[in-house]
Amino acid sequence: MNNKEDRRKEHLSGWGEDFIRKLDAFLYEKPARNIMETIDQFFDNAKGGYERIPVDIAETDDEWIISFDLPGIKKEQIKLAILGNVITISVTHKEETEQYDQTYHYYRKERKAHNKERTVTLPFTIDRDMAKAKFDNGLLQIKCPKNKQDKNFMSIE
């Protein structure tokens, strides 16, 4: 090897270690930690945005039972809409956190709001006057008596 190549290798080996040391220090400083937390929260929220509200549809001899699983949700956070054979539920979940650290002298207060919606098309028309909705312990149940004749159809004479 010639002298020029030796100097180049020596220069690069020192640069790599120095770069790693500087990157490591940057990632552990407070502003960078906040950036990393923000990135983590972004991906957590993105995952939550695509999460669907689970639904079960069951049938007995005289009624339909539609159940939505909503753990951790309060009744006041739920909106229920019924139009024909379509049920739409919307859930708004708000959360507020506070942090104070005397060692690093910072205070942080965050507010988050997550909205979820699920629309389900059913194989029957719901009579809103006869349907009953009940929310208990994270489970929203809608019970609809079966119609003898679907209101969407007409008899032909």
N, C-alpha and C. Protein backbone atom coordinates (compact mmCIF):
# COMPACT_ATOMS: atom_id res chain seq x y z
N MET A 1 0.84 -1.19 0.00
CA MET A 1 0.00 0.00 0.00
C MET A 1 0.87 1.24 0.00
N ASN A 2 0.36 2.25 -0.63
CA ASN A 2 1.13 3.48 -0.64
C ASN A 2 0.71 4.39 0.52
N ASN A 3 1.43 5.44 0.68
CA ASN A 3 1.24 6.37 1.80
C ASN A 3 -0.13 7.05 1.75
N LYS A 4 -0.61 7.36 0.55
CA LYS A 4 -1.90 8.04 0.38
C LYS A 4 -3.06 7.15 0.87
N GLU A 5 -3.04 5.86 0.52
CA GLU A 5 -4.08 4.93 0.96
C GLU A 5 -4.06 4.75 2.47
N ASP A 6 -2.87 4.69 3.07
CA ASP A 6 -2.77 4.54 4.52
C ASP A 6 -3.41 5.73 5.24
N ARG A 7 -3.11 6.94 4.76
CA ARG A 7 -3.70 8.14 5.38
C ARG A 7 -5.22 8.15 5.23
N ARG A 8 -5.71 7.70 4.09
CA ARG A 8 -7.16 7.67 3.85
C ARG A 8 -7.84 6.69 4.81
N LYS A 9 -7.30 5.48 4.98
CA LYS A 9 -7.87 4.49 5.89
C LYS A 9 -7.83 5.00 7.33
N GLU A 10 -6.73 5.62 7.70
CA GLU A 10 -6.59 6.15 9.06
C GLU A 10 -7.64 7.23 9.30
N HIS A 11 -7.84 8.07 8.33
CA HIS A 11 -8.83 9.16 8.45
C HIS A 11 -10.26 8.59 8.57
N LEU A 12 -10.60 7.59 7.78
CA LEU A 12 -11.94 7.01 7.80
C LEU A 12 -12.22 6.24 9.08
N SER A 13 -11.24 5.51 9.60
CA SER A 13 -11.50 4.74 10.82
C SER A 13 -11.79 5.67 12.00
N GLY A 14 -11.12 6.75 12.12
CA GLY A 14 -11.38 7.73 13.18
C GLY A 14 -12.73 8.40 12.99
N TRP A 15 -13.10 8.65 11.74
CA TRP A 15 -14.37 9.31 11.44
C TRP A 15 -15.54 8.44 11.87
N GLY A 16 -15.49 7.15 11.63
CA GLY A 16 -16.58 6.24 11.97
C GLY A 16 -16.84 6.20 13.46
N GLU A 17 -15.79 6.07 14.25
CA GLU A 17 -15.95 6.04 15.71
C GLU A 17 -16.48 7.37 16.22
N ASP A 18 -15.94 8.44 15.69
CA ASP A 18 -16.37 9.78 16.12
C ASP A 18 -17.85 10.01 15.76
N PHE A 19 -18.24 9.58 14.57
CA PHE A 19 -19.64 9.74 14.14
C PHE A 19 -20.58 8.98 15.07
N ILE A 20 -20.24 7.73 15.39
CA ILE A 20 -21.08 6.92 16.28
C ILE A 20 -21.18 7.57 17.65
N ARG A 21 -20.07 8.05 18.18
CA ARG A 21 -20.07 8.71 19.48
C ARG A 21 -20.97 9.94 19.47
N LYS A 22 -20.87 10.75 18.42
CA LYS A 22 -21.69 11.97 18.32
C LYS A 22 -23.17 11.63 18.14
N LEU A 23 -23.47 10.64 17.32
CA LEU A 23 -24.86 10.23 17.12
C LEU A 23 -25.45 9.70 18.42
N ASP A 24 -24.68 8.90 19.15
CA ASP A 24 -25.14 8.36 20.43
C ASP A 24 -25.43 9.50 21.41
N ALA A 25 -24.54 10.46 21.50
CA ALA A 25 -24.75 11.60 22.41
C ALA A 25 -25.98 12.39 21.99
N PHE A 26 -26.17 12.59 20.68
CA PHE A 26 -27.32 13.35 20.19
C PHE A 26 -28.64 12.66 20.56
N LEU A 27 -28.70 11.35 20.41
CA LEU A 27 -29.93 10.62 20.67
C LEU A 27 -30.30 10.58 22.15
N TYR A 28 -29.33 10.78 23.02
CA TYR A 28 -29.62 10.76 24.45
C TYR A 28 -29.83 12.15 25.05
N GLU A 29 -29.65 13.19 24.27
CA GLU A 29 -29.93 14.54 24.76
C GLU A 29 -31.43 14.77 24.74
N LYS A 30 -31.91 15.68 25.59
CA LYS A 30 -33.35 15.91 25.76
C LYS A 30 -34.08 16.27 24.47
N PRO A 31 -33.60 17.22 23.65
CA PRO A 31 -34.36 17.53 22.42
C PRO A 31 -34.50 16.32 21.50
N ALA A 32 -33.46 15.54 21.38
CA ALA A 32 -33.53 14.36 20.51
C ALA A 32 -34.47 13.31 21.09
N ARG A 33 -34.47 13.16 22.42
CA ARG A 33 -35.40 12.22 23.04
C ARG A 33 -36.83 12.60 22.71
N ASN A 34 -37.13 13.91 22.75
CA ASN A 34 -38.48 14.37 22.42
C ASN A 34 -38.82 14.06 20.96
N ILE A 35 -37.85 14.21 20.08
CA ILE A 35 -38.08 13.88 18.66
C ILE A 35 -38.38 12.39 18.53
N MET A 36 -37.59 11.56 19.21
CA MET A 36 -37.79 10.11 19.14
C MET A 36 -39.15 9.72 19.72
N GLU A 37 -39.56 10.36 20.83
CA GLU A 37 -40.88 10.08 21.41
C GLU A 37 -41.99 10.47 20.43
N THR A 38 -41.81 11.59 19.75
CA THR A 38 -42.80 12.04 18.78
C THR A 38 -42.92 11.04 17.63
N ILE A 39 -41.79 10.53 17.16
CA ILE A 39 -41.81 9.54 16.09
C ILE A 39 -42.52 8.27 16.56
N ASP A 40 -42.21 7.82 17.78
CA ASP A 40 -42.88 6.64 18.33
C ASP A 40 -44.39 6.85 18.41
N GLN A 41 -44.80 8.03 18.89
CA GLN A 41 -46.23 8.33 19.02
C GLN A 41 -46.91 8.35 17.66
N PHE A 42 -46.21 8.87 16.65
CA PHE A 42 -46.77 8.91 15.30
C PHE A 42 -47.11 7.50 14.82
N PHE A 43 -46.17 6.56 14.99
CA PHE A 43 -46.42 5.20 14.53
C PHE A 43 -47.45 4.50 15.39
N ASP A 44 -47.49 4.80 16.70
CA ASP A 44 -48.54 4.23 17.55
C ASP A 44 -49.90 4.72 17.10
N ASN A 45 -50.02 6.02 16.81
CA ASN A 45 -51.30 6.59 16.37
C ASN A 45 -51.70 6.06 15.00
N ALA A 46 -50.73 5.86 14.12
CA ALA A 46 -51.05 5.35 12.79
C ALA A 46 -51.63 3.95 12.90
N LYS A 47 -51.08 3.16 13.79
CA LYS A 47 -51.61 1.81 13.99
C LYS A 47 -53.03 1.88 14.54
N GLY A 48 -53.26 2.73 15.52
CA GLY A 48 -54.58 2.88 16.11
C GLY A 48 -55.61 3.37 15.13
N GLY A 49 -55.19 4.17 14.14
CA GLY A 49 -56.12 4.70 13.16
C GLY A 49 -56.73 3.64 12.28
N TYR A 50 -56.02 2.53 12.05
CA TYR A 50 -56.53 1.49 11.18
C TYR A 50 -57.19 0.35 11.94
N GLU A 51 -57.18 0.45 13.25
CA GLU A 51 -57.80 -0.57 14.08
C GLU A 51 -59.31 -0.50 13.93
N ARG A 52 -59.96 -1.60 13.66
CA ARG A 52 -61.42 -1.60 13.49
C ARG A 52 -62.10 -2.00 14.78
N ILE A 53 -63.29 -1.48 14.97
CA ILE A 53 -64.09 -1.85 16.12
C ILE A 53 -64.68 -3.23 15.84
N PRO A 54 -64.43 -4.21 16.71
CA PRO A 54 -64.96 -5.56 16.47
C PRO A 54 -66.48 -5.59 16.58
N VAL A 55 -67.11 -6.37 15.72
CA VAL A 55 -68.57 -6.50 15.73
C VAL A 55 -68.94 -7.98 15.56
N ASP A 56 -69.98 -8.38 16.27
CA ASP A 56 -70.55 -9.72 16.13
C ASP A 56 -72.03 -9.57 15.81
N ILE A 57 -72.52 -10.39 14.89
CA ILE A 57 -73.95 -10.37 14.54
C ILE A 57 -74.48 -11.78 14.79
N ALA A 58 -75.49 -11.86 15.64
CA ALA A 58 -76.09 -13.16 15.98
C ALA A 58 -77.58 -13.11 15.70
N GLU A 59 -78.16 -14.29 15.51
CA GLU A 59 -79.59 -14.39 15.19
C GLU A 59 -80.24 -15.43 16.09
N THR A 60 -81.38 -15.06 16.66
CA THR A 60 -82.20 -16.03 17.39
C THR A 60 -83.47 -16.23 16.57
N ASP A 61 -84.42 -16.97 17.11
CA ASP A 61 -85.68 -17.20 16.38
C ASP A 61 -86.47 -15.91 16.16
N ASP A 62 -86.38 -14.98 17.12
CA ASP A 62 -87.22 -13.79 16.98
C ASP A 62 -86.48 -12.46 16.99
N GLU A 63 -85.13 -12.45 17.05
CA GLU A 63 -84.42 -11.17 17.01
C GLU A 63 -82.99 -11.32 16.48
N TRP A 64 -82.44 -10.16 16.10
CA TRP A 64 -81.05 -10.05 15.69
C TRP A 64 -80.32 -9.35 16.84
N ILE A 65 -79.08 -9.76 17.12
CA ILE A 65 -78.28 -9.13 18.17
C ILE A 65 -76.95 -8.70 17.54
N ILE A 66 -76.71 -7.39 17.56
CA ILE A 66 -75.47 -6.84 17.02
C ILE A 66 -74.67 -6.33 18.21
N SER A 67 -73.43 -6.83 18.36
CA SER A 67 -72.59 -6.48 19.51
C SER A 67 -71.29 -5.84 19.04
N PHE A 68 -70.96 -4.71 19.65
CA PHE A 68 -69.70 -4.01 19.38
C PHE A 68 -68.86 -4.05 20.65
N ASP A 69 -67.61 -4.46 20.53
CA ASP A 69 -66.70 -4.56 21.66
C ASP A 69 -65.95 -3.23 21.80
N LEU A 70 -66.19 -2.51 22.92
CA LEU A 70 -65.60 -1.19 23.13
C LEU A 70 -64.96 -1.09 24.52
N PRO A 71 -63.88 -1.82 24.77
CA PRO A 71 -63.26 -1.78 26.10
C PRO A 71 -62.67 -0.41 26.42
N GLY A 72 -62.84 0.03 27.66
CA GLY A 72 -62.27 1.30 28.10
C GLY A 72 -63.05 2.52 27.66
N ILE A 73 -64.19 2.33 27.01
CA ILE A 73 -65.00 3.44 26.50
C ILE A 73 -66.19 3.66 27.42
N LYS A 74 -66.57 4.93 27.57
CA LYS A 74 -67.76 5.28 28.36
C LYS A 74 -68.93 5.53 27.42
N LYS A 75 -70.13 5.37 27.95
CA LYS A 75 -71.35 5.53 27.14
C LYS A 75 -71.41 6.90 26.48
N GLU A 76 -70.94 7.93 27.18
CA GLU A 76 -71.00 9.31 26.66
C GLU A 76 -70.11 9.51 25.44
N GLN A 77 -69.17 8.62 25.21
CA GLN A 77 -68.24 8.75 24.08
C GLN A 77 -68.76 8.11 22.80
N ILE A 78 -69.92 7.48 22.86
CA ILE A 78 -70.44 6.71 21.72
C ILE A 78 -71.59 7.45 21.05
N LYS A 79 -71.55 7.48 19.72
CA LYS A 79 -72.68 7.97 18.92
C LYS A 79 -73.13 6.82 18.04
N LEU A 80 -74.43 6.62 18.00
CA LEU A 80 -75.01 5.50 17.25
C LEU A 80 -76.01 6.05 16.24
N ALA A 81 -75.84 5.66 14.98
CA ALA A 81 -76.77 6.09 13.92
C ALA A 81 -77.28 4.85 13.19
N ILE A 82 -78.58 4.85 12.95
CA ILE A 82 -79.21 3.74 12.22
C ILE A 82 -80.00 4.32 11.06
N LEU A 83 -79.74 3.82 9.87
CA LEU A 83 -80.47 4.27 8.69
C LEU A 83 -80.73 3.05 7.81
N GLY A 84 -81.99 2.63 7.78
CA GLY A 84 -82.34 1.45 6.98
C GLY A 84 -81.68 0.21 7.50
N ASN A 85 -80.77 -0.35 6.72
CA ASN A 85 -80.06 -1.56 7.14
C ASN A 85 -78.58 -1.29 7.47
N VAL A 86 -78.28 -0.02 7.78
CA VAL A 86 -76.89 0.37 8.06
C VAL A 86 -76.79 0.94 9.48
N ILE A 87 -75.84 0.40 10.24
CA ILE A 87 -75.54 0.91 11.58
C ILE A 87 -74.16 1.54 11.53
N THR A 88 -74.03 2.75 12.06
CA THR A 88 -72.74 3.41 12.18
C THR A 88 -72.53 3.80 13.63
N ILE A 89 -71.39 3.39 14.17
CA ILE A 89 -71.05 3.86 15.51
C ILE A 89 -69.75 4.65 15.42
N SER A 90 -69.71 5.73 16.18
CA SER A 90 -68.52 6.58 16.26
C SER A 90 -68.12 6.68 17.72
N VAL A 91 -66.83 6.58 17.97
CA VAL A 91 -66.30 6.66 19.33
C VAL A 91 -65.22 7.72 19.36
N THR A 92 -65.32 8.63 20.33
CA THR A 92 -64.29 9.64 20.55
C THR A 92 -63.68 9.39 21.91
N HIS A 93 -62.37 9.16 21.92
CA HIS A 93 -61.66 8.90 23.18
C HIS A 93 -60.64 10.00 23.38
N LYS A 94 -60.80 10.77 24.46
CA LYS A 94 -59.86 11.85 24.77
C LYS A 94 -59.06 11.47 26.00
N GLU A 95 -57.78 11.85 25.98
CA GLU A 95 -56.87 11.50 27.06
C GLU A 95 -55.96 12.69 27.33
N GLU A 96 -55.69 12.95 28.60
CA GLU A 96 -54.83 14.07 28.98
C GLU A 96 -53.79 13.57 29.97
N THR A 97 -52.51 13.90 29.73
CA THR A 97 -51.44 13.51 30.64
C THR A 97 -50.59 14.72 30.99
N GLU A 98 -50.03 14.70 32.20
CA GLU A 98 -49.14 15.76 32.65
C GLU A 98 -47.87 15.14 33.20
N GLN A 99 -46.73 15.81 32.95
CA GLN A 99 -45.45 15.37 33.48
C GLN A 99 -44.68 16.59 33.96
N TYR A 100 -44.02 16.43 35.10
CA TYR A 100 -43.14 17.48 35.59
C TYR A 100 -41.92 16.80 36.18
N ASP A 101 -40.76 17.28 35.82
CA ASP A 101 -39.51 16.73 36.33
C ASP A 101 -38.64 17.86 36.84
N GLN A 102 -38.40 17.88 38.16
CA GLN A 102 -37.60 18.95 38.76
C GLN A 102 -36.13 18.81 38.39
N THR A 103 -35.66 17.59 38.17
CA THR A 103 -34.26 17.38 37.84
C THR A 103 -33.90 18.04 36.51
N TYR A 104 -34.74 17.84 35.50
CA TYR A 104 -34.46 18.40 34.18
C TYR A 104 -35.21 19.69 33.93
N HIS A 105 -35.99 20.14 34.89
CA HIS A 105 -36.74 21.41 34.81
C HIS A 105 -37.63 21.48 33.57
N TYR A 106 -38.48 20.51 33.43
CA TYR A 106 -39.44 20.60 32.33
C TYR A 106 -40.83 20.21 32.81
N TYR A 107 -41.80 20.74 32.09
CA TYR A 107 -43.21 20.46 32.36
C TYR A 107 -43.86 20.17 31.03
N ARG A 108 -44.65 19.13 30.98
CA ARG A 108 -45.30 18.79 29.71
C ARG A 108 -46.73 18.36 30.00
N LYS A 109 -47.65 18.90 29.23
CA LYS A 109 -49.05 18.52 29.32
C LYS A 109 -49.50 18.17 27.91
N GLU A 110 -50.02 16.96 27.75
CA GLU A 110 -50.43 16.51 26.41
C GLU A 110 -51.90 16.15 26.40
N ARG A 111 -52.51 16.38 25.26
CA ARG A 111 -53.90 16.00 25.05
C ARG A 111 -53.95 15.18 23.77
N LYS A 112 -54.64 14.05 23.86
CA LYS A 112 -54.79 13.19 22.68
C LYS A 112 -56.27 12.93 22.46
N ALA A 113 -56.64 12.81 21.22
CA ALA A 113 -58.02 12.44 20.88
C ALA A 113 -57.95 11.38 19.77
N HIS A 114 -58.63 10.29 20.02
CA HIS A 114 -58.68 9.20 19.04
C HIS A 114 -60.14 9.03 18.61
N ASN A 115 -60.36 9.02 17.33
CA ASN A 115 -61.71 8.81 16.80
C ASN A 115 -61.73 7.51 16.02
N LYS A 116 -62.74 6.71 16.28
CA LYS A 116 -62.93 5.47 15.54
C LYS A 116 -64.37 5.44 15.05
N GLU A 117 -64.55 4.82 13.90
CA GLU A 117 -65.90 4.70 13.36
C GLU A 117 -66.01 3.34 12.69
N ARG A 118 -67.18 2.76 12.80
CA ARG A 118 -67.44 1.48 12.13
C ARG A 118 -68.83 1.52 11.56
N THR A 119 -68.95 1.18 10.29
CA THR A 119 -70.24 1.09 9.61
C THR A 119 -70.45 -0.36 9.21
N VAL A 120 -71.63 -0.87 9.55
CA VAL A 120 -71.96 -2.25 9.26
C VAL A 120 -73.26 -2.28 8.45
N THR A 121 -73.22 -2.95 7.31
CA THR A 121 -74.43 -3.14 6.50
C THR A 121 -75.00 -4.51 6.84
N LEU A 122 -76.26 -4.51 7.22
CA LEU A 122 -76.92 -5.74 7.67
C LEU A 122 -77.82 -6.31 6.58
N PRO A 123 -78.14 -7.59 6.65
CA PRO A 123 -79.00 -8.21 5.64
C PRO A 123 -80.49 -7.99 5.91
N PHE A 124 -80.82 -7.02 6.75
CA PHE A 124 -82.21 -6.73 7.09
C PHE A 124 -82.34 -5.26 7.44
N THR A 125 -83.56 -4.75 7.38
CA THR A 125 -83.83 -3.36 7.75
C THR A 125 -84.13 -3.30 9.24
N ILE A 126 -83.59 -2.28 9.89
CA ILE A 126 -83.80 -2.12 11.32
C ILE A 126 -84.96 -1.16 11.56
N ASP A 127 -85.91 -1.59 12.36
CA ASP A 127 -87.01 -0.72 12.79
C ASP A 127 -86.51 0.02 14.04
N ARG A 128 -86.15 1.29 13.88
CA ARG A 128 -85.56 2.05 14.99
C ARG A 128 -86.49 2.18 16.18
N ASP A 129 -87.79 2.16 15.95
CA ASP A 129 -88.74 2.27 17.06
C ASP A 129 -88.77 1.00 17.90
N MET A 130 -88.44 -0.12 17.30
CA MET A 130 -88.48 -1.40 18.01
C MET A 130 -87.10 -1.85 18.52
N ALA A 131 -86.05 -1.28 17.98
CA ALA A 131 -84.69 -1.68 18.37
C ALA A 131 -84.33 -1.12 19.74
N LYS A 132 -83.53 -1.85 20.47
CA LYS A 132 -83.06 -1.45 21.80
C LYS A 132 -81.54 -1.52 21.82
N ALA A 133 -80.92 -0.45 22.34
CA ALA A 133 -79.46 -0.43 22.47
C ALA A 133 -79.10 -0.35 23.95
N LYS A 134 -78.11 -1.16 24.35
CA LYS A 134 -77.68 -1.19 25.75
C LYS A 134 -76.15 -1.24 25.78
N PHE A 135 -75.57 -0.43 26.67
CA PHE A 135 -74.11 -0.43 26.82
C PHE A 135 -73.78 -0.82 28.25
N ASP A 136 -72.99 -1.89 28.39
CA ASP A 136 -72.63 -2.37 29.72
C ASP A 136 -71.24 -2.99 29.69
N ASN A 137 -70.37 -2.48 30.54
CA ASN A 137 -69.04 -3.05 30.73
C ASN A 137 -68.26 -3.22 29.41
N GLY A 138 -68.26 -2.17 28.58
CA GLY A 138 -67.50 -2.19 27.34
C GLY A 138 -68.15 -2.92 26.18
N LEU A 139 -69.40 -3.33 26.33
CA LEU A 139 -70.10 -4.03 25.25
C LEU A 139 -71.37 -3.28 24.88
N LEU A 140 -71.45 -2.84 23.62
CA LEU A 140 -72.66 -2.20 23.10
C LEU A 140 -73.45 -3.27 22.36
N GLN A 141 -74.69 -3.49 22.82
CA GLN A 141 -75.55 -4.49 22.18
C GLN A 141 -76.80 -3.82 21.66
N ILE A 142 -77.11 -4.13 20.40
CA ILE A 142 -78.33 -3.63 19.78
C ILE A 142 -79.18 -4.85 19.45
N LYS A 143 -80.39 -4.86 19.98
CA LYS A 143 -81.31 -5.98 19.73
C LYS A 143 -82.44 -5.47 18.86
N CYS A 144 -82.67 -6.17 17.76
CA CYS A 144 -83.71 -5.80 16.80
C CYS A 144 -84.64 -6.98 16.58
N PRO A 145 -85.94 -6.80 16.84
CA PRO A 145 -86.87 -7.89 16.55
C PRO A 145 -86.93 -8.13 15.04
N LYS A 146 -87.10 -9.37 14.68
CA LYS A 146 -87.20 -9.70 13.25
C LYS A 146 -88.54 -9.20 12.73
N ASN A 147 -88.49 -8.59 11.57
CA ASN A 147 -89.71 -8.12 10.91
C ASN A 147 -90.32 -9.28 10.14
N LYS A 148 -91.63 -9.36 10.20
CA LYS A 148 -92.31 -10.40 9.42
C LYS A 148 -92.16 -10.13 7.93
N GLN A 149 -92.17 -8.84 7.60
CA GLN A 149 -92.01 -8.45 6.20
C GLN A 149 -91.07 -7.25 6.18
N ASP A 150 -90.05 -7.32 5.38
CA ASP A 150 -89.09 -6.23 5.28
C ASP A 150 -89.75 -5.02 4.64
N LYS A 151 -89.58 -3.85 5.26
CA LYS A 151 -90.21 -2.63 4.76
C LYS A 151 -89.62 -2.14 3.44
N ASN A 152 -88.48 -2.67 3.05
CA ASN A 152 -87.88 -2.27 1.78
C ASN A 152 -88.53 -2.96 0.59
N PHE A 153 -89.28 -4.01 0.85
CA PHE A 153 -89.89 -4.76 -0.24
C PHE A 153 -91.40 -4.56 -0.25
N MET A 154 -91.95 -4.69 -1.44
CA MET A 154 -93.39 -4.52 -1.65
C MET A 154 -93.98 -5.82 -2.19
N SER A 155 -95.18 -6.11 -1.78
CA SER A 155 -95.82 -7.30 -2.35
C SER A 155 -96.42 -6.94 -3.71
N ILE A 156 -96.45 -7.91 -4.59
CA ILE A 156 -96.97 -7.69 -5.94
C ILE A 156 -98.32 -8.40 -6.06
N GLU A 157 -99.32 -7.68 -6.56
CA GLU A 157 -100.66 -8.26 -6.72
C GLU A 157 -100.86 -8.76 -8.13
